Amino acid sequence: GEQIAEMILEHTETTNKEAKALAIEALRQVRMPSP
């Protein structure tokens, strides 16, 4: 999750909390169990 959030923080204007939520959503999007 930290690695996905880091990618989001690098390329978008988001806070750490928002980046974490987006990272979890990205894991959910790829059908990861218990994201």
All heavy atoms as atom14 arrays in JSON, in Angstrom:
{
  "sequence": "GEQIAEMILEHTETTNKEAKALAIEALRQVRMPSP",
  "atom14_mask": [
    [1, 1, 1, 1, 0, 0, 0, 0, 0, 0, 0, 0, 0, 0],
    [1, 1, 1, 1, 1, 1, 1, 1, 1, 0, 0, 0, 0, 0],
    [1, 1, 1, 1, 1, 1, 1, 1, 1, 0, 0, 0, 0, 0],
    [1, 1, 1, 1, 1, 1, 1, 1, 0, 0, 0, 0, 0, 0],
    [1, 1, 1, 1, 1, 0, 0, 0, 0, 0, 0, 0, 0, 0],
    [1, 1, 1, 1, 1, 1, 1, 1, 1, 0, 0, 0, 0, 0],
    [1, 1, 1, 1, 1, 1, 1, 1, 0, 0, 0, 0, 0, 0],
    [1, 1, 1, 1, 1, 1, 1, 1, 0, 0, 0, 0, 0, 0],
    [1, 1, 1, 1, 1, 1, 1, 1, 0, 0, 0, 0, 0, 0],
    [1, 1, 1, 1, 1, 1, 1, 1, 1, 0, 0, 0, 0, 0],
    [1, 1, 1, 1, 1, 1, 1, 1, 1, 1, 0, 0, 0, 0],
    [1, 1, 1, 1, 1, 1, 1, 0, 0, 0, 0, 0, 0, 0],
    [1, 1, 1, 1, 1, 1, 1, 1, 1, 0, 0, 0, 0, 0],
    [1, 1, 1, 1, 1, 1, 1, 0, 0, 0, 0, 0, 0, 0],
    [1, 1, 1, 1, 1, 1, 1, 0, 0, 0, 0, 0, 0, 0],
    [1, 1, 1, 1, 1, 1, 1, 1, 0, 0, 0, 0, 0, 0],
    [1, 1, 1, 1, 1, 1, 1, 1, 1, 0, 0, 0, 0, 0],
    [1, 1, 1, 1, 1, 1, 1, 1, 1, 0, 0, 0, 0, 0],
    [1, 1, 1, 1, 1, 0, 0, 0, 0, 0, 0, 0, 0, 0],
    [1, 1, 1, 1, 1, 1, 1, 1, 1, 0, 0, 0, 0, 0],
    [1, 1, 1, 1, 1, 0, 0, 0, 0, 0, 0, 0, 0, 0],
    [1, 1, 1, 1, 1, 1, 1, 1, 0, 0, 0, 0, 0, 0],
    [1, 1, 1, 1, 1, 0, 0, 0, 0, 0, 0, 0, 0, 0],
    [1, 1, 1, 1, 1, 1, 1, 1, 0, 0, 0, 0, 0, 0],
    [1, 1, 1, 1, 1, 1, 1, 1, 1, 0, 0, 0, 0, 0],
    [1, 1, 1, 1, 1, 0, 0, 0, 0, 0, 0, 0, 0, 0],
    [1, 1, 1, 1, 1, 1, 1, 1, 0, 0, 0, 0, 0, 0],
    [1, 1, 1, 1, 1, 1, 1, 1, 1, 1, 1, 0, 0, 0],
    [1, 1, 1, 1, 1, 1, 1, 1, 1, 0, 0, 0, 0, 0],
    [1, 1, 1, 1, 1, 1, 1, 0, 0, 0, 0, 0, 0, 0],
    [1, 1, 1, 1, 1, 1, 1, 1, 1, 1, 1, 0, 0, 0],
    [1, 1, 1, 1, 1, 1, 1, 1, 0, 0, 0, 0, 0, 0],
    [1, 1, 1, 1, 1, 1, 1, 0, 0, 0, 0, 0, 0, 0],
    [1, 1, 1, 1, 1, 1, 0, 0, 0, 0, 0, 0, 0, 0],
    [1, 1, 1, 1, 1, 1, 1, 0, 0, 0, 0, 0, 0, 0]
  ],
  "atom14_positions": [
    [[0.8, -1.22, 0.0], [0.0, 0.0, 0.0], [0.84, 1.27, 0.0], [0.5, 2.24, -0.68], [0.0, 0.0, 0.0], [0.0, 0.0, 0.0], [0.0, 0.0, 0.0], [0.0, 0.0, 0.0], [0.0, 0.0, 0.0], [0.0, 0.0, 0.0], [0.0, 0.0, 0.0], [0.0, 0.0, 0.0], [0.0, 0.0, 0.0], [0.0, 0.0, 0.0]],
    [[1.93, 1.26, 0.78], [2.81, 2.44, 0.83], [3.4, 2.74, -0.55], [3.53, 3.91, -0.94], [3.93, 2.21, 1.84], [3.49, 2.26, 3.29], [4.57, 1.83, 4.25], [5.51, 1.12, 3.83], [4.49, 2.2, 5.43], [0.0, 0.0, 0.0], [0.0, 0.0, 0.0], [0.0, 0.0, 0.0], [0.0, 0.0, 0.0], [0.0, 0.0, 0.0]],
    [[3.74, 1.69, -1.29], [4.34, 1.89, -2.61], [3.33, 2.44, -3.61], [3.68, 3.29, -4.44], [4.94, 0.58, -3.11], [6.11, 0.13, -2.24], [6.73, -1.18, -2.7], [7.26, -1.28, -3.8], [6.67, -2.19, -1.85], [0.0, 0.0, 0.0], [0.0, 0.0, 0.0], [0.0, 0.0, 0.0], [0.0, 0.0, 0.0], [0.0, 0.0, 0.0]],
    [[2.09, 1.99, -3.51], [1.05, 2.53, -4.39], [0.74, 3.97, -4.01], [0.61, 4.85, -4.87], [-0.22, 1.66, -4.32], [0.09, 0.24, -4.79], [-1.33, 2.27, -5.18], [-1.06, -0.73, -4.59], [0.0, 0.0, 0.0], [0.0, 0.0, 0.0], [0.0, 0.0, 0.0], [0.0, 0.0, 0.0], [0.0, 0.0, 0.0], [0.0, 0.0, 0.0]],
    [[0.64, 4.24, -2.7], [0.35, 5.6, -2.24], [1.46, 6.57, -2.65], [1.2, 7.72, -3.0], [0.17, 5.6, -0.72], [0.0, 0.0, 0.0], [0.0, 0.0, 0.0], [0.0, 0.0, 0.0], [0.0, 0.0, 0.0], [0.0, 0.0, 0.0], [0.0, 0.0, 0.0], [0.0, 0.0, 0.0], [0.0, 0.0, 0.0], [0.0, 0.0, 0.0]],
    [[2.72, 6.1, -2.6], [3.84, 6.95, -3.0], [3.71, 7.37, -4.46], [3.98, 8.53, -4.82], [5.16, 6.2, -2.79], [6.38, 7.03, -3.17], [7.67, 6.23, -3.05], [7.6, 5.0, -2.95], [8.75, 6.84, -3.09], [0.0, 0.0, 0.0], [0.0, 0.0, 0.0], [0.0, 0.0, 0.0], [0.0, 0.0, 0.0], [0.0, 0.0, 0.0]],
    [[3.28, 6.43, -5.32], [3.06, 6.74, -6.73], [1.98, 7.82, -6.88], [2.12, 8.77, -7.66], [2.65, 5.47, -7.48], [2.34, 5.66, -8.95], [3.81, 5.92, -9.93], [4.52, 4.27, -9.86], [0.0, 0.0, 0.0], [0.0, 0.0, 0.0], [0.0, 0.0, 0.0], [0.0, 0.0, 0.0], [0.0, 0.0, 0.0], [0.0, 0.0, 0.0]],
    [[0.92, 7.69, -6.12], [-0.19, 8.66, -6.19], [0.27, 10.04, -5.72], [-0.03, 11.06, -6.34], [-1.39, 8.15, -5.36], [-1.95, 6.87, -5.98], [-2.47, 9.23, -5.27], [-2.96, 6.16, -5.12], [0.0, 0.0, 0.0], [0.0, 0.0, 0.0], [0.0, 0.0, 0.0], [0.0, 0.0, 0.0], [0.0, 0.0, 0.0], [0.0, 0.0, 0.0]],
    [[1.02, 10.07, -4.62], [1.52, 11.35, -4.09], [2.47, 12.03, -5.07], [2.51, 13.26, -5.17], [2.23, 11.12, -2.75], [1.32, 10.77, -1.56], [2.16, 10.29, -0.38], [0.48, 11.98, -1.16], [0.0, 0.0, 0.0], [0.0, 0.0, 0.0], [0.0, 0.0, 0.0], [0.0, 0.0, 0.0], [0.0, 0.0, 0.0], [0.0, 0.0, 0.0]],
    [[3.23, 11.22, -5.79], [4.22, 11.76, -6.74], [3.55, 12.45, -7.92], [4.06, 13.45, -8.44], [5.13, 10.63, -7.24], [6.16, 11.03, -8.28], [7.26, 11.9, -7.72], [7.49, 11.86, -6.49], [7.88, 12.65, -8.5], [0.0, 0.0, 0.0], [0.0, 0.0, 0.0], [0.0, 0.0, 0.0], [0.0, 0.0, 0.0], [0.0, 0.0, 0.0]],
    [[2.4, 11.91, -8.36], [1.81, 12.39, -9.62], [0.49, 13.13, -9.46], [-0.07, 13.58, -10.45], [1.62, 11.2, -10.57], [2.91, 10.58, -11.02], [3.71, 11.15, -11.98], [3.55, 9.45, -10.61], [4.79, 10.39, -12.16], [4.71, 9.36, -11.34], [0.0, 0.0, 0.0], [0.0, 0.0, 0.0], [0.0, 0.0, 0.0], [0.0, 0.0, 0.0]],
    [[-0.01, 13.23, -8.24], [-1.26, 13.98, -8.04], [-1.13, 14.88, -6.82], [-0.24, 14.69, -5.99], [-2.46, 13.01, -7.82], [-2.23, 12.24, -6.63], [-2.63, 12.07, -9.0], [0.0, 0.0, 0.0], [0.0, 0.0, 0.0], [0.0, 0.0, 0.0], [0.0, 0.0, 0.0], [0.0, 0.0, 0.0], [0.0, 0.0, 0.0], [0.0, 0.0, 0.0]],
    [[-2.02, 15.84, -6.72], [-2.03, 16.74, -5.57], [-3.02, 16.2, -4.54], [-4.2, 16.57, -4.53], [-2.4, 18.15, -6.02], [-1.37, 18.78, -6.95], [-1.74, 20.19, -7.35], [-2.8, 20.68, -6.88], [-0.99, 20.81, -8.12], [0.0, 0.0, 0.0], [0.0, 0.0, 0.0], [0.0, 0.0, 0.0], [0.0, 0.0, 0.0], [0.0, 0.0, 0.0]],
    [[-2.53, 15.32, -3.68], [-3.38, 14.72, -2.67], [-2.65, 14.7, -1.32], [-1.42, 14.81, -1.26], [-3.74, 13.26, -3.03], [-2.53, 12.52, -3.25], [-4.59, 13.19, -4.28], [0.0, 0.0, 0.0], [0.0, 0.0, 0.0], [0.0, 0.0, 0.0], [0.0, 0.0, 0.0], [0.0, 0.0, 0.0], [0.0, 0.0, 0.0], [0.0, 0.0, 0.0]],
    [[-3.42, 14.55, -0.27], [-2.83, 14.4, 1.06], [-2.49, 12.93, 1.29], [-2.9, 12.05, 0.53], [-3.83, 14.86, 2.14], [-4.97, 13.99, 2.11], [-4.27, 16.29, 1.89], [0.0, 0.0, 0.0], [0.0, 0.0, 0.0], [0.0, 0.0, 0.0], [0.0, 0.0, 0.0], [0.0, 0.0, 0.0], [0.0, 0.0, 0.0], [0.0, 0.0, 0.0]],
    [[-1.74, 12.66, 2.36], [-1.38, 11.28, 2.69], [-2.63, 10.42, 2.92], [-2.69, 9.27, 2.5], [-0.48, 11.24, 3.93], [0.9, 11.77, 3.65], [1.34, 11.8, 2.51], [1.6, 12.19, 4.69], [0.0, 0.0, 0.0], [0.0, 0.0, 0.0], [0.0, 0.0, 0.0], [0.0, 0.0, 0.0], [0.0, 0.0, 0.0], [0.0, 0.0, 0.0]],
    [[-3.62, 11.0, 3.61], [-4.85, 10.27, 3.89], [-5.59, 9.95, 2.6], [-6.1, 8.82, 2.41], [-5.73, 11.1, 4.83], [-7.0, 10.38, 5.25], [-7.8, 11.24, 6.24], [-9.07, 10.5, 6.67], [-9.87, 11.32, 7.64], [0.0, 0.0, 0.0], [0.0, 0.0, 0.0], [0.0, 0.0, 0.0], [0.0, 0.0, 0.0], [0.0, 0.0, 0.0]],
    [[-5.67, 10.92, 1.71], [-6.35, 10.71, 0.42], [-5.6, 9.68, -0.42], [-6.22, 8.84, -1.08], [-6.46, 12.04, -0.33], [-7.43, 13.03, 0.29], [-7.32, 14.4, -0.32], [-6.26, 14.73, -0.91], [-8.29, 15.17, -0.21], [0.0, 0.0, 0.0], [0.0, 0.0, 0.0], [0.0, 0.0, 0.0], [0.0, 0.0, 0.0], [0.0, 0.0, 0.0]],
    [[-4.25, 9.74, -0.39], [-3.44, 8.79, -1.17], [-3.67, 7.36, -0.68], [-3.75, 6.43, -1.48], [-1.97, 9.16, -1.08], [0.0, 0.0, 0.0], [0.0, 0.0, 0.0], [0.0, 0.0, 0.0], [0.0, 0.0, 0.0], [0.0, 0.0, 0.0], [0.0, 0.0, 0.0], [0.0, 0.0, 0.0], [0.0, 0.0, 0.0], [0.0, 0.0, 0.0]],
    [[-3.79, 7.21, 0.64], [-4.04, 5.86, 1.19], [-5.4, 5.35, 0.73], [-5.53, 4.18, 0.33], [-3.97, 5.89, 2.72], [-4.24, 4.52, 3.34], [-4.09, 4.52, 4.85], [-4.37, 3.12, 5.42], [-4.18, 3.07, 6.89], [0.0, 0.0, 0.0], [0.0, 0.0, 0.0], [0.0, 0.0, 0.0], [0.0, 0.0, 0.0], [0.0, 0.0, 0.0]],
    [[-6.4, 6.21, 0.78], [-7.74, 5.8, 0.35], [-7.75, 5.42, -1.13], [-8.38, 4.43, -1.54], [-8.74, 6.93, 0.62], [0.0, 0.0, 0.0], [0.0, 0.0, 0.0], [0.0, 0.0, 0.0], [0.0, 0.0, 0.0], [0.0, 0.0, 0.0], [0.0, 0.0, 0.0], [0.0, 0.0, 0.0], [0.0, 0.0, 0.0], [0.0, 0.0, 0.0]],
    [[-7.02, 6.2, -1.95], [-6.95, 5.9, -3.38], [-6.18, 4.6, -3.64], [-6.52, 3.85, -4.55], [-6.29, 7.07, -4.13], [-7.13, 8.35, -4.22], [-6.3, 9.5, -4.77], [-8.36, 8.11, -5.11], [0.0, 0.0, 0.0], [0.0, 0.0, 0.0], [0.0, 0.0, 0.0], [0.0, 0.0, 0.0], [0.0, 0.0, 0.0], [0.0, 0.0, 0.0]],
    [[-5.14, 4.35, -2.83], [-4.37, 3.11, -2.99], [-5.23, 1.9, -2.67], [-5.19, 0.88, -3.38], [-3.14, 3.15, -2.08], [0.0, 0.0, 0.0], [0.0, 0.0, 0.0], [0.0, 0.0, 0.0], [0.0, 0.0, 0.0], [0.0, 0.0, 0.0], [0.0, 0.0, 0.0], [0.0, 0.0, 0.0], [0.0, 0.0, 0.0], [0.0, 0.0, 0.0]],
    [[-6.03, 1.98, -1.61], [-6.93, 0.88, -1.26], [-7.97, 0.68, -2.35], [-8.29, -0.45, -2.72], [-7.6, 1.16, 0.1], [-6.56, 1.1, 1.23], [-8.74, 0.17, 0.36], [-7.08, 1.54, 2.58], [0.0, 0.0, 0.0], [0.0, 0.0, 0.0], [0.0, 0.0, 0.0], [0.0, 0.0, 0.0], [0.0, 0.0, 0.0], [0.0, 0.0, 0.0]],
    [[-8.44, 1.78, -2.92], [-9.41, 1.69, -4.0], [-8.77, 1.05, -5.24], [-9.43, 0.27, -5.96], [-9.96, 3.07, -4.35], [-10.98, 3.09, -5.46], [-12.17, 2.19, -5.19], [-12.58, 2.04, -4.02], [-12.7, 1.6, -6.17], [0.0, 0.0, 0.0], [0.0, 0.0, 0.0], [0.0, 0.0, 0.0], [0.0, 0.0, 0.0], [0.0, 0.0, 0.0]],
    [[-7.49, 1.35, -5.49], [-6.79, 0.74, -6.62], [-6.65, -0.77, -6.42], [-6.82, -1.55, -7.36], [-5.4, 1.37, -6.79], [0.0, 0.0, 0.0], [0.0, 0.0, 0.0], [0.0, 0.0, 0.0], [0.0, 0.0, 0.0], [0.0, 0.0, 0.0], [0.0, 0.0, 0.0], [0.0, 0.0, 0.0], [0.0, 0.0, 0.0], [0.0, 0.0, 0.0]],
    [[-6.36, -1.18, -5.2], [-6.29, -2.62, -4.89], [-7.66, -3.27, -5.06], [-7.75, -4.41, -5.54], [-5.77, -2.82, -3.47], [-4.29, -2.5, -3.24], [-3.96, -2.53, -1.75], [-3.39, -3.46, -4.0], [0.0, 0.0, 0.0], [0.0, 0.0, 0.0], [0.0, 0.0, 0.0], [0.0, 0.0, 0.0], [0.0, 0.0, 0.0], [0.0, 0.0, 0.0]],
    [[-8.7, -2.56, -4.66], [-10.05, -3.1, -4.83], [-10.39, -3.22, -6.32], [-11.04, -4.18, -6.76], [-11.06, -2.21, -4.12], [-12.5, -2.73, -4.18], [-13.45, -1.87, -3.37], [-13.21, -2.01, -1.93], [-12.69, -1.08, -1.16], [-12.33, 0.09, -1.68], [-12.51, -1.28, 0.13], [0.0, 0.0, 0.0], [0.0, 0.0, 0.0], [0.0, 0.0, 0.0]],
    [[-9.94, -2.26, -7.1], [-10.22, -2.24, -8.54], [-9.63, -3.46, -9.25], [-10.21, -3.97, -10.2], [-9.68, -0.95, -9.17], [-10.07, -0.78, -10.64], [-9.49, 0.48, -11.23], [-8.49, 1.02, -10.74], [-10.1, 0.98, -12.29], [0.0, 0.0, 0.0], [0.0, 0.0, 0.0], [0.0, 0.0, 0.0], [0.0, 0.0, 0.0], [0.0, 0.0, 0.0]],
    [[-8.48, -3.92, -8.78], [-7.85, -5.09, -9.4], [-8.29, -6.39, -8.73], [-7.66, -7.44, -8.89], [-6.31, -4.98, -9.4], [-5.86, -3.78, -10.2], [-5.74, -4.93, -7.99], [0.0, 0.0, 0.0], [0.0, 0.0, 0.0], [0.0, 0.0, 0.0], [0.0, 0.0, 0.0], [0.0, 0.0, 0.0], [0.0, 0.0, 0.0], [0.0, 0.0, 0.0]],
    [[-9.39, -6.33, -7.98], [-10.0, -7.5, -7.34], [-9.06, -8.16, -6.34], [-9.03, -9.38, -6.2], [-10.41, -8.54, -8.37], [-11.67, -8.28, -9.2], [-11.77, -6.96, -9.8], [-12.87, -6.86, -10.79], [-13.12, -5.76, -11.48], [-12.38, -4.67, -11.29], [-14.1, -5.72, -12.34], [0.0, 0.0, 0.0], [0.0, 0.0, 0.0], [0.0, 0.0, 0.0]],
    [[-8.3, -7.35, -5.6], [-7.44, -7.88, -4.54], [-8.32, -8.23, -3.34], [-9.07, -7.38, -2.85], [-6.39, -6.84, -4.13], [-5.48, -7.29, -3.0], [-4.25, -8.5, -3.53], [-2.99, -7.39, -4.18], [0.0, 0.0, 0.0], [0.0, 0.0, 0.0], [0.0, 0.0, 0.0], [0.0, 0.0, 0.0], [0.0, 0.0, 0.0], [0.0, 0.0, 0.0]],
    [[-8.24, -9.45, -2.81], [-9.05, -9.82, -1.63], [-8.65, -8.97, -0.42], [-7.46, -8.73, -0.2], [-8.69, -11.3, -1.41], [-8.11, -11.77, -2.7], [-7.46, -10.58, -3.32], [0.0, 0.0, 0.0], [0.0, 0.0, 0.0], [0.0, 0.0, 0.0], [0.0, 0.0, 0.0], [0.0, 0.0, 0.0], [0.0, 0.0, 0.0], [0.0, 0.0, 0.0]],
    [[-9.62, -8.51, 0.34], [-9.38, -7.71, 1.55], [-8.37, -6.59, 1.31], [-7.29, -6.57, 1.9], [-8.88, -8.62, 2.69], [-9.75, -9.7, 2.91], [0.0, 0.0, 0.0], [0.0, 0.0, 0.0], [0.0, 0.0, 0.0], [0.0, 0.0, 0.0], [0.0, 0.0, 0.0], [0.0, 0.0, 0.0], [0.0, 0.0, 0.0], [0.0, 0.0, 0.0]],
    [[-8.66, -5.63, 0.44], [-7.68, -4.6, 0.09], [-7.18, -3.78, 1.28], [-6.01, -3.39, 1.3], [-8.43, -3.72, -0.92], [-9.88, -4.02, -0.71], [-9.94, -5.44, -0.25], [0.0, 0.0, 0.0], [0.0, 0.0, 0.0], [0.0, 0.0, 0.0], [0.0, 0.0, 0.0], [0.0, 0.0, 0.0], [0.0, 0.0, 0.0], [0.0, 0.0, 0.0]]
  ]
}
